[in-house]
C-alpha atoms as a PDB file:
ATOM      1  CA  UNK A   1     133.424  76.445 -68.679  1.00  0.00           C
ATOM      2  CA  UNK A   2     133.301  79.468 -70.943  1.00  0.00           C
ATOM      3  CA  UNK A   3     129.548  79.174 -71.048  1.00  0.00           C
ATOM      4  CA  UNK A   4     129.312  79.184 -67.248  1.00  0.00           C
ATOM      5  CA  UNK A   5     131.588  82.219 -66.982  1.00  0.00           C
ATOM      6  CA  UNK A   6     129.512  84.013 -69.626  1.00  0.00           C
ATOM      7  CA  UNK A   7     126.253  83.227 -67.819  1.00  0.00           C
ATOM      8  CA  UNK A   8     127.828  84.218 -64.506  1.00  0.00           C
ATOM      9  CA  UNK A   9     129.091  87.480 -66.021  1.00  0.00           C
ATOM     10  CA  UNK A  10     125.654  88.310 -67.499  1.00  0.00           C
ATOM     11  CA  UNK A  11     123.989  87.437 -64.161  1.00  0.00           C
ATOM     12  CA  UNK A  12     126.379  89.685 -62.236  1.00  0.00           C
ATOM     13  CA  UNK A  13     125.823  92.433 -64.765  1.00  0.00           C
ATOM     14  CA  UNK A  14     122.012  92.166 -64.407  1.00  0.00           C
ATOM     15  CA  UNK A  15     122.211  92.096 -60.618  1.00  0.00           C
ATOM     16  CA  UNK A  16     124.538  95.078 -60.641  1.00  0.00           C
ATOM     17  CA  UNK A  17     122.118  97.087 -62.714  1.00  0.00           C
ATOM     18  CA  UNK A  18     119.160  96.060 -60.596  1.00  0.00           C
ATOM     19  CA  UNK A  19     120.863  96.924 -57.343  1.00  0.00           C
ATOM     20  CA  UNK A  20     121.895 100.310 -58.663  1.00  0.00           C
ATOM     21  CA  UNK A  21     118.281 101.406 -58.988  1.00  0.00           C
ATOM     22  CA  UNK A  22     117.688 105.087 -58.452  1.00  0.00           C
ATOM     23  CA  UNK A  23     117.210 106.185 -54.880  1.00  0.00           C
ATOM     24  CA  UNK A  24     113.688 107.503 -54.474  1.00  0.00           C
ATOM     25  CA  UNK A  25     113.626 111.283 -54.268  1.00  0.00           C
ATOM     26  CA  UNK A  26     112.255 112.763 -51.075  1.00  0.00           C
ATOM     27  CA  UNK A  27     108.608 113.700 -51.090  1.00  0.00           C
ATOM     28  CA  UNK A  28     108.110 117.358 -51.947  1.00  0.00           C
ATOM     29  CA  UNK A  29     107.677 119.548 -48.916  1.00  0.00           C
ATOM     30  CA  UNK A  30     104.334 121.314 -49.171  1.00  0.00           C
ATOM     31  CA  UNK A  31     104.695 125.059 -49.272  1.00  0.00           C
ATOM     32  CA  UNK A  32     102.529 127.019 -46.906  1.00  0.00           C
ATOM     33  CA  UNK A  33      99.741 128.923 -48.548  1.00  0.00           C
ATOM     34  CA  UNK A  34     100.370 132.583 -47.832  1.00  0.00           C
ATOM     35  CA  UNK A  35      97.838 134.168 -45.535  1.00  0.00           C
ATOM     36  CA  UNK A  36      95.520 136.624 -47.244  1.00  0.00           C
ATOM     37  CA  UNK A  37      96.492 140.256 -46.692  1.00  0.00           C
ATOM     38  CA  UNK A  38      95.004 142.245 -43.820  1.00  0.00           C
ATOM     39  CA  UNK A  39      92.998 144.966 -45.525  1.00  0.00           C
ATOM     40  CA  UNK A  40      91.219 146.587 -42.587  1.00  0.00           C
ATOM     41  CA  UNK A  41      92.080 147.110 -38.938  1.00  0.00           C
ATOM     42  CA  UNK A  42      91.115 149.096 -35.855  1.00  0.00           C
ATOM     43  CA  UNK A  43      92.730 152.425 -35.012  1.00  0.00           C
ATOM     44  CA  UNK A  44      92.357 154.749 -32.059  1.00  0.00           C
ATOM     45  CA  UNK A  45      91.149 158.211 -33.031  1.00  0.00           C
ATOM     46  CA  UNK A  46      89.529 161.249 -31.489  1.00  0.00           C
ATOM     47  CA  UNK A  47      86.248 159.590 -32.472  1.00  0.00           C
ATOM     48  CA  UNK A  48      87.041 156.368 -30.628  1.00  0.00           C
ATOM     49  CA  UNK A  49      88.147 153.116 -32.211  1.00  0.00           C
ATOM     50  CA  UNK A  50      87.371 153.317 -35.915  1.00  0.00           C
ATOM     51  CA  UNK A  51      88.022 151.046 -38.852  1.00  0.00           C
ATOM     52  CA  UNK A  52      90.858 152.006 -41.175  1.00  0.00           C
ATOM     53  CA  UNK A  53      92.600 150.411 -44.122  1.00  0.00           C
ATOM     54  CA  UNK A  54      95.841 148.453 -43.746  1.00  0.00           C
ATOM     55  CA  UNK A  55      97.859 151.691 -44.002  1.00  0.00           C
ATOM     56  CA  UNK A  56      95.855 153.541 -41.341  1.00  0.00           C
ATOM     57  CA  UNK A  57      93.675 155.635 -43.659  1.00  0.00           C
ATOM     58  CA  UNK A  58      90.137 156.272 -42.409  1.00  0.00           C
ATOM     59  CA  UNK A  59      87.237 154.452 -44.018  1.00  0.00           C
ATOM     60  CA  UNK A  60      83.795 156.016 -44.416  1.00  0.00           C
ATOM     61  CA  UNK A  61      80.306 155.042 -45.463  1.00  0.00           C
ATOM     62  CA  UNK A  62      77.298 156.873 -46.802  1.00  0.00           C
ATOM     63  CA  UNK A  63      74.525 156.744 -44.239  1.00  0.00           C
ATOM     64  CA  UNK A  64      71.658 157.439 -46.684  1.00  0.00           C
ATOM     65  CA  UNK A  65      71.828 154.177 -48.607  1.00  0.00           C
ATOM     66  CA  UNK A  66      73.821 151.746 -46.525  1.00  0.00           C
ATOM     67  CA  UNK A  67      72.935 148.445 -48.157  1.00  0.00           C
ATOM     68  CA  UNK A  68      74.555 148.782 -51.579  1.00  0.00           C
ATOM     69  CA  UNK A  69      77.226 150.869 -53.234  1.00  0.00           C
ATOM     70  CA  UNK A  70      76.290 154.488 -52.838  1.00  0.00           C
ATOM     71  CA  UNK A  71      78.838 156.430 -54.795  1.00  0.00           C
ATOM     72  CA  UNK A  72      79.279 156.102 -58.563  1.00  0.00           C
ATOM     73  CA  UNK A  73      80.578 158.177 -61.455  1.00  0.00           C
ATOM     74  CA  UNK A  74      81.784 161.687 -60.436  1.00  0.00           C
ATOM     75  CA  UNK A  75      81.189 160.956 -56.762  1.00  0.00           C
ATOM     76  CA  UNK A  76      84.087 158.471 -56.777  1.00  0.00           C
ATOM     77  CA  UNK A  77      86.545 161.302 -57.461  1.00  0.00           C
ATOM     78  CA  UNK A  78      85.953 162.489 -53.879  1.00  0.00           C
ATOM     79  CA  UNK A  79      84.804 159.230 -52.256  1.00  0.00           C
ATOM     80  CA  UNK A  80      86.981 156.439 -53.613  1.00  0.00           C
ATOM     81  CA  UNK A  81      85.431 152.968 -53.180  1.00  0.00           C
ATOM     82  CA  UNK A  82      87.671 150.734 -51.083  1.00  0.00           C
ATOM     83  CA  UNK A  83      88.108 147.620 -53.205  1.00  0.00           C
ATOM     84  CA  UNK A  84      89.857 144.329 -52.488  1.00  0.00           C
ATOM     85  CA  UNK A  85      91.308 141.620 -54.698  1.00  0.00           C
ATOM     86  CA  UNK A  86      90.349 138.077 -53.794  1.00  0.00           C
ATOM     87  CA  UNK A  87      90.649 136.747 -50.274  1.00  0.00           C
ATOM     88  CA  UNK A  88      91.399 139.136 -47.424  1.00  0.00           C
ATOM     89  CA  UNK A  89      91.889 139.125 -43.676  1.00  0.00           C
ATOM     90  CA  UNK A  90      91.003 141.631 -40.965  1.00  0.00           C
ATOM     91  CA  UNK A  91      93.064 142.905 -38.058  1.00  0.00           C
ATOM     92  CA  UNK A  92      92.812 142.179 -34.363  1.00  0.00           C
ATOM     93  CA  UNK A  93      89.557 143.226 -32.744  1.00  0.00           C
ATOM     94  CA  UNK A  94      87.497 142.642 -35.894  1.00  0.00           C
ATOM     95  CA  UNK A  95      85.565 139.594 -37.108  1.00  0.00           C
ATOM     96  CA  UNK A  96      86.066 138.483 -40.691  1.00  0.00           C
ATOM     97  CA  UNK A  97      82.397 137.451 -40.815  1.00  0.00           C
ATOM     98  CA  UNK A  98      81.366 141.130 -40.403  1.00  0.00           C
ATOM     99  CA  UNK A  99      82.918 141.921 -43.793  1.00  0.00           C
ATOM    100  CA  UNK A 100      81.739 141.137 -47.302  1.00  0.00           C
ATOM    101  CA  UNK A 101      82.106 142.572 -50.785  1.00  0.00           C
ATOM    102  CA  UNK A 102      79.775 144.025 -53.379  1.00  0.00           C
ATOM    103  CA  UNK A 103      80.465 144.260 -57.121  1.00  0.00           C
ATOM    104  CA  UNK A 104      81.155 147.757 -58.405  1.00  0.00           C
ATOM    105  CA  UNK A 105      79.533 148.827 -61.708  1.00  0.00           C
ATOM    106  CA  UNK A 106      82.949 149.842 -63.086  1.00  0.00           C
ATOM    107  CA  UNK A 107      84.510 146.554 -61.952  1.00  0.00           C
ATOM    108  CA  UNK A 108      86.151 145.360 -58.786  1.00  0.00           C
ATOM    109  CA  UNK A 109      84.787 144.251 -55.449  1.00  0.00           C
ATOM    110  CA  UNK A 110      84.090 146.893 -52.818  1.00  0.00           C
ATOM    111  CA  UNK A 111      84.610 145.991 -49.176  1.00  0.00           C
ATOM    112  CA  UNK A 112      81.602 146.274 -46.859  1.00  0.00           C
ATOM    113  CA  UNK A 113      81.532 146.322 -43.045  1.00  0.00           C
ATOM    114  CA  UNK A 114      78.165 144.965 -41.934  1.00  0.00           C
ATOM    115  CA  UNK A 115      75.967 146.678 -44.539  1.00  0.00           C
ATOM    116  CA  UNK A 116      78.222 149.692 -44.997  1.00  0.00           C
ATOM    117  CA  UNK A 117      80.146 149.965 -48.281  1.00  0.00           C
ATOM    118  CA  UNK A 118      83.520 151.499 -47.437  1.00  0.00           C
ATOM    119  CA  UNK A 119      85.208 154.518 -49.020  1.00  0.00           C
ATOM    120  CA  UNK A 120      88.306 156.674 -48.705  1.00  0.00           C
ATOM    121  CA  UNK A 121      87.929 160.458 -48.635  1.00  0.00           C
ATOM    122  CA  UNK A 122      90.170 162.265 -51.141  1.00  0.00           C
ATOM    123  CA  UNK A 123      91.076 165.043 -48.677  1.00  0.00           C
ATOM    124  CA  UNK A 124      92.475 162.590 -46.110  1.00  0.00           C
ATOM    125  CA  UNK A 125      96.093 162.880 -47.215  1.00  0.00           C
ATOM    126  CA  UNK A 126      97.738 161.295 -44.164  1.00  0.00           C
ATOM    127  CA  UNK A 127      97.045 158.140 -42.217  1.00  0.00           C
ATOM    128  CA  UNK A 128      94.839 159.086 -39.284  1.00  0.00           C
ATOM    129  CA  UNK A 129      93.106 161.988 -41.055  1.00  0.00           C
ATOM    130  CA  UNK A 130      89.327 161.983 -40.635  1.00  0.00           C
ATOM    131  CA  UNK A 131      88.372 165.137 -42.526  1.00  0.00           C
ATOM    132  CA  UNK A 132      85.358 163.566 -44.220  1.00  0.00           C
ATOM    133  CA  UNK A 133      83.374 162.670 -41.108  1.00  0.00           C
ATOM    134  CA  UNK A 134      79.988 164.384 -41.253  1.00  0.00           C
ATOM    135  CA  UNK A 135      80.481 165.641 -44.809  1.00  0.00           C
ATOM    136  CA  UNK A 136      77.143 166.635 -46.342  1.00  0.00           C
ATOM    137  CA  UNK A 137      75.554 165.121 -43.217  1.00  0.00           C
ATOM    138  CA  UNK A 138      75.725 161.680 -44.867  1.00  0.00           C
ATOM    139  CA  UNK A 139      79.389 160.552 -44.878  1.00  0.00           C
ATOM    140  CA  UNK A 140      80.624 159.058 -41.621  1.00  0.00           C
ATOM    141  CA  UNK A 141      83.390 157.044 -40.041  1.00  0.00           C
ATOM    142  CA  UNK A 142      82.431 153.678 -38.626  1.00  0.00           C
ATOM    143  CA  UNK A 143      83.507 152.468 -35.212  1.00  0.00           C
ATOM    144  CA  UNK A 144      84.982 149.017 -34.811  1.00  0.00           C
ATOM    145  CA  UNK A 145      81.771 147.878 -33.069  1.00  0.00           C
ATOM    146  CA  UNK A 146      79.765 148.796 -36.196  1.00  0.00           C
ATOM    147  CA  UNK A 147      78.269 152.054 -34.916  1.00  0.00           C
ATOM    148  CA  UNK A 148      78.395 155.122 -37.142  1.00  0.00           C
ATOM    149  CA  UNK A 149      80.259 158.205 -35.852  1.00  0.00           C
ATOM    150  CA  UNK A 150      77.498 160.815 -36.267  1.00  0.00           C
ATOM    151  CA  UNK A 151      79.304 163.497 -34.270  1.00  0.00           C
ATOM    152  CA  UNK A 152      81.737 165.372 -36.481  1.00  0.00           C
ATOM    153  CA  UNK A 153      83.621 166.782 -33.487  1.00  0.00           C
ATOM    154  CA  UNK A 154      86.452 164.625 -32.167  1.00  0.00           C
ATOM    155  CA  UNK A 155      86.405 163.997 -28.452  1.00  0.00           C
ATOM    156  CA  UNK A 156      88.757 162.272 -26.066  1.00  0.00           C
ATOM    157  CA  UNK A 157      86.005 159.805 -25.182  1.00  0.00           C
ATOM    158  CA  UNK A 158      85.910 156.669 -27.323  1.00  0.00           C
ATOM    159  CA  UNK A 159      82.098 156.922 -27.603  1.00  0.00           C
END
């Protein structure tokens, strides 16, 4: 009788341990991958709809050599290359496929719109400034449709 009670006790003990198995933890909820930052958008200006950076500062390109970076060394003190880190997005009214990057000799990746490497002008101190358009007859704003703003006089007409 003692043997049966001992076996019964051990059996109950084993069953108790087996039935108390850990409850499976819930599957981890996947976290959404953050969207890349918008680095360029469209803004209304006296020159029409132009491309600007995410903070509304005008972007320019050098019309003389529009297929590669055009401003290096001392030039970048006045015309700062607009660089991006990693993936990026563009604002409404623009196509991401119209943008690419080009490696800068000093490091970093400069944003290009079509074949135009993009720059900030050092004298544009406020969002919306466009003081560099027409500078040296080679630096120009670029419209959201990809056309260069050759006229350095703002108008009320978008084109």
